[in-house]
Amino acid sequence: MSVAEFDDHPLAELWTPPITTAKQDFAELGQLGLGQLLATVDGRPIAEVSSVEPTLVIRARTAATKGGR
């Protein structure tokens, strides 16, 4: 069985064994959100909704599948 979490809790790498996580760049998400909010307040169009891809941080609580992948 594999265990994973989202948002890379500060203790995730310290737990025994360390937990695999999907890490989000919250600073970049905040900048994108604020930019969209300010554009809306100023009456400017928002050309496209941006997204930030999370980074997978594999730690000891994730095992390979039976097929080895």
PDB file of N, CA and C in Angstrom:
ATOM      1  N   MET A   1       0.846  -1.161   0.000  1.00  0.00           N
ATOM      2  CA  MET A   1       0.000   0.000   0.000  1.00  0.00           C
ATOM      3  C   MET A   1       0.899   1.233   0.000  1.00  0.00           C
ATOM      4  N   SER A   2       0.508   2.224  -0.776  1.00  0.00           N
ATOM      5  CA  SER A   2       1.220   3.497  -0.812  1.00  0.00           C
ATOM      6  C   SER A   2       0.364   4.573  -0.161  1.00  0.00           C
ATOM      7  N   VAL A   3       1.014   5.521   0.497  1.00  0.00           N
ATOM      8  CA  VAL A   3       0.326   6.641   1.126  1.00  0.00           C
ATOM      9  C   VAL A   3       0.919   7.922   0.550  1.00  0.00           C
ATOM     10  N   ALA A   4       0.043   8.851   0.169  1.00  0.00           N
ATOM     11  CA  ALA A   4       0.491  10.141  -0.354  1.00  0.00           C
ATOM     12  C   ALA A   4      -0.386  11.237   0.236  1.00  0.00           C
ATOM     13  N   GLU A   5       0.133  12.447   0.234  1.00  0.00           N
ATOM     14  CA  GLU A   5      -0.641  13.588   0.721  1.00  0.00           C
ATOM     15  C   GLU A   5      -0.494  14.738  -0.261  1.00  0.00           C
ATOM     16  N   PHE A   6      -1.279  15.768  -0.060  1.00  0.00           N
ATOM     17  CA  PHE A   6      -1.276  16.926  -0.946  1.00  0.00           C
ATOM     18  C   PHE A   6      -0.885  18.161  -0.153  1.00  0.00           C
ATOM     19  N   ASP A   7      -0.125  19.039  -0.747  1.00  0.00           N
ATOM     20  CA  ASP A   7       0.297  20.337  -0.200  1.00  0.00           C
ATOM     21  C   ASP A   7       1.619  20.305   0.546  1.00  0.00           C
ATOM     22  N   ASP A   8       2.297  19.172   0.607  1.00  0.00           N
ATOM     23  CA  ASP A   8       3.624  19.050   1.215  1.00  0.00           C
ATOM     24  C   ASP A   8       3.676  19.652   2.611  1.00  0.00           C
ATOM     25  N   HIS A   9       2.927  19.047   3.506  1.00  0.00           N
ATOM     26  CA  HIS A   9       2.942  19.451   4.912  1.00  0.00           C
ATOM     27  C   HIS A   9       4.395  19.502   5.391  1.00  0.00           C
ATOM     28  N   PRO A  10       4.767  20.501   6.189  1.00  0.00           N
ATOM     29  CA  PRO A  10       6.168  20.634   6.627  1.00  0.00           C
ATOM     30  C   PRO A  10       6.736  19.387   7.319  1.00  0.00           C
ATOM     31  N   LEU A  11       5.897  18.578   7.922  1.00  0.00           N
ATOM     32  CA  LEU A  11       6.384  17.382   8.614  1.00  0.00           C
ATOM     33  C   LEU A  11       6.417  16.139   7.727  1.00  0.00           C
ATOM     34  N   ALA A  12       5.912  16.242   6.492  1.00  0.00           N
ATOM     35  CA  ALA A  12       5.799  15.064   5.623  1.00  0.00           C
ATOM     36  C   ALA A  12       7.129  14.354   5.418  1.00  0.00           C
ATOM     37  N   GLU A  13       8.211  15.102   5.286  1.00  0.00           N
ATOM     38  CA  GLU A  13       9.507  14.463   5.075  1.00  0.00           C
ATOM     39  C   GLU A  13      10.148  14.002   6.387  1.00  0.00           C
ATOM     40  N   LEU A  14       9.594  14.430   7.508  1.00  0.00           N
ATOM     41  CA  LEU A  14      10.158  14.051   8.801  1.00  0.00           C
ATOM     42  C   LEU A  14       9.502  12.818   9.404  1.00  0.00           C
ATOM     43  N   TRP A  15       8.255  12.502   8.987  1.00  0.00           N
ATOM     44  CA  TRP A  15       7.577  11.326   9.512  1.00  0.00           C
ATOM     45  C   TRP A  15       8.334  10.076   9.107  1.00  0.00           C
ATOM     46  N   THR A  16       8.162   9.004   9.841  1.00  0.00           N
ATOM     47  CA  THR A  16       8.838   7.749   9.536  1.00  0.00           C
ATOM     48  C   THR A  16       7.816   6.716   9.093  1.00  0.00           C
ATOM     49  N   PRO A  17       7.890   6.242   7.879  1.00  0.00           N
ATOM     50  CA  PRO A  17       8.724   6.727   6.777  1.00  0.00           C
ATOM     51  C   PRO A  17       8.149   8.028   6.198  1.00  0.00           C
ATOM     52  N   PRO A  18       8.976   8.798   5.496  1.00  0.00           N
ATOM     53  CA  PRO A  18       8.521  10.056   4.892  1.00  0.00           C
ATOM     54  C   PRO A  18       7.385   9.822   3.895  1.00  0.00           C
ATOM     55  N   ILE A  19       6.444  10.767   3.817  1.00  0.00           N
ATOM     56  CA  ILE A  19       5.244  10.622   2.981  1.00  0.00           C
ATOM     57  C   ILE A  19       5.437  11.309   1.634  1.00  0.00           C
ATOM     58  N   THR A  20       5.073  10.593   0.566  1.00  0.00           N
ATOM     59  CA  THR A  20       5.059  11.157  -0.784  1.00  0.00           C
ATOM     60  C   THR A  20       4.010  12.260  -0.834  1.00  0.00           C
ATOM     61  N   THR A  21       4.264  13.299  -1.611  1.00  0.00           N
ATOM     62  CA  THR A  21       3.351  14.439  -1.643  1.00  0.00           C
ATOM     63  C   THR A  21       3.258  15.069  -3.029  1.00  0.00           C
ATOM     64  N   ALA A  22       2.184  15.766  -3.267  1.00  0.00           N
ATOM     65  CA  ALA A  22       2.043  16.638  -4.435  1.00  0.00           C
ATOM     66  C   ALA A  22       2.224  18.058  -3.904  1.00  0.00           C
ATOM     67  N   LYS A  23       3.322  18.685  -4.291  1.00  0.00           N
ATOM     68  CA  LYS A  23       3.705  19.990  -3.744  1.00  0.00           C
ATOM     69  C   LYS A  23       3.189  21.115  -4.643  1.00  0.00           C
ATOM     70  N   GLN A  24       2.484  22.071  -4.061  1.00  0.00           N
ATOM     71  CA  GLN A  24       1.957  23.233  -4.784  1.00  0.00           C
ATOM     72  C   GLN A  24       2.827  24.453  -4.512  1.00  0.00           C
ATOM     73  N   ASP A  25       2.990  25.311  -5.503  1.00  0.00           N
ATOM     74  CA  ASP A  25       3.699  26.577  -5.331  1.00  0.00           C
ATOM     75  C   ASP A  25       2.651  27.631  -4.969  1.00  0.00           C
ATOM     76  N   PHE A  26       2.403  27.783  -3.664  1.00  0.00           N
ATOM     77  CA  PHE A  26       1.348  28.686  -3.216  1.00  0.00           C
ATOM     78  C   PHE A  26       1.662  30.150  -3.492  1.00  0.00           C
ATOM     79  N   ALA A  27       2.931  30.528  -3.527  1.00  0.00           N
ATOM     80  CA  ALA A  27       3.290  31.912  -3.856  1.00  0.00           C
ATOM     81  C   ALA A  27       2.872  32.222  -5.297  1.00  0.00           C
ATOM     82  N   GLU A  28       3.159  31.315  -6.213  1.00  0.00           N
ATOM     83  CA  GLU A  28       2.779  31.532  -7.610  1.00  0.00           C
ATOM     84  C   GLU A  28       1.261  31.524  -7.779  1.00  0.00           C
ATOM     85  N   LEU A  29       0.576  30.621  -7.085  1.00  0.00           N
ATOM     86  CA  LEU A  29      -0.890  30.595  -7.142  1.00  0.00           C
ATOM     87  C   LEU A  29      -1.477  31.915  -6.636  1.00  0.00           C
ATOM     88  N   GLY A  30      -0.910  32.441  -5.551  1.00  0.00           N
ATOM     89  CA  GLY A  30      -1.385  33.710  -5.008  1.00  0.00           C
ATOM     90  C   GLY A  30      -1.164  34.861  -5.979  1.00  0.00           C
ATOM     91  N   GLN A  31      -0.001  34.882  -6.642  1.00  0.00           N
ATOM     92  CA  GLN A  31       0.283  35.940  -7.615  1.00  0.00           C
ATOM     93  C   GLN A  31      -0.683  35.876  -8.794  1.00  0.00           C
ATOM     94  N   LEU A  32      -0.962  34.670  -9.277  1.00  0.00           N
ATOM     95  CA  LEU A  32      -1.910  34.531 -10.389  1.00  0.00           C
ATOM     96  C   LEU A  32      -3.312  34.983  -9.979  1.00  0.00           C
ATOM     97  N   GLY A  33      -3.733  34.564  -8.790  1.00  0.00           N
ATOM     98  CA  GLY A  33      -5.060  34.945  -8.305  1.00  0.00           C
ATOM     99  C   GLY A  33      -5.193  36.443  -8.112  1.00  0.00           C
ATOM    100  N   LEU A  34      -4.168  37.066  -7.527  1.00  0.00           N
ATOM    101  CA  LEU A  34      -4.191  38.516  -7.318  1.00  0.00           C
ATOM    102  C   LEU A  34      -4.202  39.250  -8.659  1.00  0.00           C
ATOM    103  N   GLY A  35      -3.426  38.768  -9.615  1.00  0.00           N
ATOM    104  CA  GLY A  35      -3.413  39.387 -10.948  1.00  0.00           C
ATOM    105  C   GLY A  35      -4.779  39.343 -11.601  1.00  0.00           C
ATOM    106  N   GLN A  36      -5.470  38.208 -11.479  1.00  0.00           N
ATOM    107  CA  GLN A  36      -6.814  38.090 -12.047  1.00  0.00           C
ATOM    108  C   GLN A  36      -7.803  38.988 -11.319  1.00  0.00           C
ATOM    109  N   LEU A  37      -7.683  39.067  -9.996  1.00  0.00           N
ATOM    110  CA  LEU A  37      -8.566  39.930  -9.219  1.00  0.00           C
ATOM    111  C   LEU A  37      -8.370  41.392  -9.605  1.00  0.00           C
ATOM    112  N   LEU A  38      -7.111  41.842  -9.690  1.00  0.00           N
ATOM    113  CA  LEU A  38      -6.841  43.236 -10.048  1.00  0.00           C
ATOM    114  C   LEU A  38      -7.309  43.556 -11.466  1.00  0.00           C
ATOM    115  N   ALA A  39      -7.157  42.612 -12.391  1.00  0.00           N
ATOM    116  CA  ALA A  39      -7.643  42.819 -13.759  1.00  0.00           C
ATOM    117  C   ALA A  39      -9.158  42.976 -13.761  1.00  0.00           C
ATOM    118  N   THR A  40      -9.840  42.174 -12.973  1.00  0.00           N
ATOM    119  CA  THR A  40     -11.304  42.260 -12.892  1.00  0.00           C
ATOM    120  C   THR A  40     -11.738  43.599 -12.297  1.00  0.00           C
ATOM    121  N   VAL A  41     -11.088  44.027 -11.199  1.00  0.00           N
ATOM    122  CA  VAL A  41     -11.417  45.306 -10.550  1.00  0.00           C
ATOM    123  C   VAL A  41     -11.172  46.467 -11.507  1.00  0.00           C
ATOM    124  N   ASP A  42     -10.099  46.399 -12.301  1.00  0.00           N
ATOM    125  CA  ASP A  42      -9.764  47.465 -13.249  1.00  0.00           C
ATOM    126  C   ASP A  42     -10.583  47.402 -14.536  1.00  0.00           C
ATOM    127  N   GLY A  43     -11.411  46.362 -14.669  1.00  0.00           N
ATOM    128  CA  GLY A  43     -12.243  46.233 -15.868  1.00  0.00           C
ATOM    129  C   GLY A  43     -11.494  45.679 -17.074  1.00  0.00           C
ATOM    130  N   ARG A  44     -10.310  45.118 -16.843  1.00  0.00           N
ATOM    131  CA  ARG A  44      -9.544  44.521 -17.945  1.00  0.00           C
ATOM    132  C   ARG A  44      -9.969  43.069 -18.123  1.00  0.00           C
ATOM    133  N   PRO A  45      -9.975  42.606 -19.367  1.00  0.00           N
ATOM    134  CA  PRO A  45     -10.343  41.202 -19.589  1.00  0.00           C
ATOM    135  C   PRO A  45      -9.224  40.256 -19.121  1.00  0.00           C
ATOM    136  N   ILE A  46      -9.618  39.096 -18.712  1.00  0.00           N
ATOM    137  CA  ILE A  46      -8.658  38.051 -18.358  1.00  0.00           C
ATOM    138  C   ILE A  46      -8.614  37.117 -19.560  1.00  0.00           C
ATOM    139  N   ALA A  47      -7.486  37.102 -20.240  1.00  0.00           N
ATOM    140  CA  ALA A  47      -7.361  36.351 -21.487  1.00  0.00           C
ATOM    141  C   ALA A  47      -7.520  34.852 -21.277  1.00  0.00           C
ATOM    142  N   GLU A  48      -6.913  34.322 -20.261  1.00  0.00           N
ATOM    143  CA  GLU A  48      -6.959  32.883 -20.036  1.00  0.00           C
ATOM    144  C   GLU A  48      -6.718  32.604 -18.565  1.00  0.00           C
ATOM    145  N   VAL A  49      -7.363  31.578 -18.069  1.00  0.00           N
ATOM    146  CA  VAL A  49      -7.168  31.200 -16.677  1.00  0.00           C
ATOM    147  C   VAL A  49      -5.900  30.356 -16.601  1.00  0.00           C
ATOM    148  N   SER A  50      -4.952  30.806 -15.818  1.00  0.00           N
ATOM    149  CA  SER A  50      -3.688  30.089 -15.673  1.00  0.00           C
ATOM    150  C   SER A  50      -3.792  29.053 -14.562  1.00  0.00           C
ATOM    151  N   SER A  51      -2.948  28.069 -14.635  1.00  0.00           N
ATOM    152  CA  SER A  51      -2.879  27.082 -13.571  1.00  0.00           C
ATOM    153  C   SER A  51      -1.414  26.786 -13.270  1.00  0.00           C
ATOM    154  N   VAL A  52      -1.198  26.231 -12.117  1.00  0.00           N
ATOM    155  CA  VAL A  52       0.152  25.878 -11.696  1.00  0.00           C
ATOM    156  C   VAL A  52       0.171  24.369 -11.468  1.00  0.00           C
ATOM    157  N   GLU A  53       1.052  23.686 -12.164  1.00  0.00           N
ATOM    158  CA  GLU A  53       1.151  22.236 -12.022  1.00  0.00           C
ATOM    159  C   GLU A  53       1.859  21.891 -10.712  1.00  0.00           C
ATOM    160  N   PRO A  54       1.298  20.953  -9.941  1.00  0.00           N
ATOM    161  CA  PRO A  54       1.996  20.524  -8.731  1.00  0.00           C
ATOM    162  C   PRO A  54       3.219  19.682  -9.093  1.00  0.00           C
ATOM    163  N   THR A  55       4.146  19.578  -8.171  1.00  0.00           N
ATOM    164  CA  THR A  55       5.332  18.752  -8.334  1.00  0.00           C
ATOM    165  C   THR A  55       5.179  17.514  -7.465  1.00  0.00           C
ATOM    166  N   LEU A  56       5.393  16.348  -8.045  1.00  0.00           N
ATOM    167  CA  LEU A  56       5.316  15.110  -7.274  1.00  0.00           C
ATOM    168  C   LEU A  56       6.646  14.881  -6.572  1.00  0.00           C
ATOM    169  N   VAL A  57       6.601  14.771  -5.248  1.00  0.00           N
ATOM    170  CA  VAL A  57       7.795  14.517  -4.444  1.00  0.00           C
ATOM    171  C   VAL A  57       7.656  13.102  -3.893  1.00  0.00           C
ATOM    172  N   ILE A  58       8.393  12.175  -4.488  1.00  0.00           N
ATOM    173  CA  ILE A  58       8.279  10.770  -4.085  1.00  0.00           C
ATOM    174  C   ILE A  58       9.193  10.505  -2.904  1.00  0.00           C
ATOM    175  N   ARG A  59       8.576   9.973  -1.850  1.00  0.00           N
ATOM    176  CA  ARG A  59       9.325   9.632  -0.640  1.00  0.00           C
ATOM    177  C   ARG A  59       9.084   8.159  -0.319  1.00  0.00           C
ATOM    178  N   ALA A  60       9.434   7.727   0.848  1.00  0.00           N
ATOM    179  CA  ALA A  60       9.470   6.300   1.190  1.00  0.00           C
ATOM    180  C   ALA A  60       8.115   5.602   1.291  1.00  0.00           C
ATOM    181  N   ARG A  61       7.011   6.320   1.373  1.00  0.00           N
ATOM    182  CA  ARG A  61       5.720   5.637   1.527  1.00  0.00           C
ATOM    183  C   ARG A  61       5.065   5.293   0.199  1.00  0.00           C
ATOM    184  N   THR A  62       5.790   5.401  -0.881  1.00  0.00           N
ATOM    185  CA  THR A  62       5.251   5.046  -2.193  1.00  0.00           C
ATOM    186  C   THR A  62       6.051   3.877  -2.722  1.00  0.00           C
ATOM    187  N   ALA A  63       5.342   2.825  -3.105  1.00  0.00           N
ATOM    188  CA  ALA A  63       5.995   1.621  -3.632  1.00  0.00           C
ATOM    189  C   ALA A  63       5.674   1.473  -5.116  1.00  0.00           C
ATOM    190  N   ALA A  64       6.514   0.760  -5.819  1.00  0.00           N
ATOM    191  CA  ALA A  64       6.254   0.454  -7.229  1.00  0.00           C
ATOM    192  C   ALA A  64       5.065  -0.495  -7.319  1.00  0.00           C
ATOM    193  N   THR A  65       4.346  -0.424  -8.438  1.00  0.00           N
ATOM    194  CA  THR A  65       3.232  -1.343  -8.654  1.00  0.00           C
ATOM    195  C   THR A  65       3.773  -2.746  -8.920  1.00  0.00           C
ATOM    196  N   LYS A  66       2.906  -3.729  -8.942  1.00  0.00           N
ATOM    197  CA  LYS A  66       3.346  -5.101  -9.204  1.00  0.00           C
ATOM    198  C   LYS A  66       4.007  -5.226 -10.573  1.00  0.00           C
ATOM    199  N   GLY A  67       3.584  -4.375 -11.515  1.00  0.00           N
ATOM    200  CA  GLY A  67       4.173  -4.390 -12.844  1.00  0.00           C
ATOM    201  C   GLY A  67       5.521  -3.663 -12.901  1.00  0.00           C
ATOM    202  N   GLY A  68       5.944  -3.074 -11.788  1.00  0.00           N
ATOM    203  CA  GLY A  68       7.233  -2.409 -11.728  1.00  0.00           C
ATOM    204  C   GLY A  68       7.227  -0.967 -12.174  1.00  0.00           C
ATOM    205  N   ARG A  69       6.061  -0.389 -12.424  1.00  0.00           N
ATOM    206  CA  ARG A  69       5.982   0.993 -12.875  1.00  0.00           C
ATOM    207  C   ARG A  69       5.682   1.934 -11.759  1.00  0.00           C
TER     208      ARG A  69
END
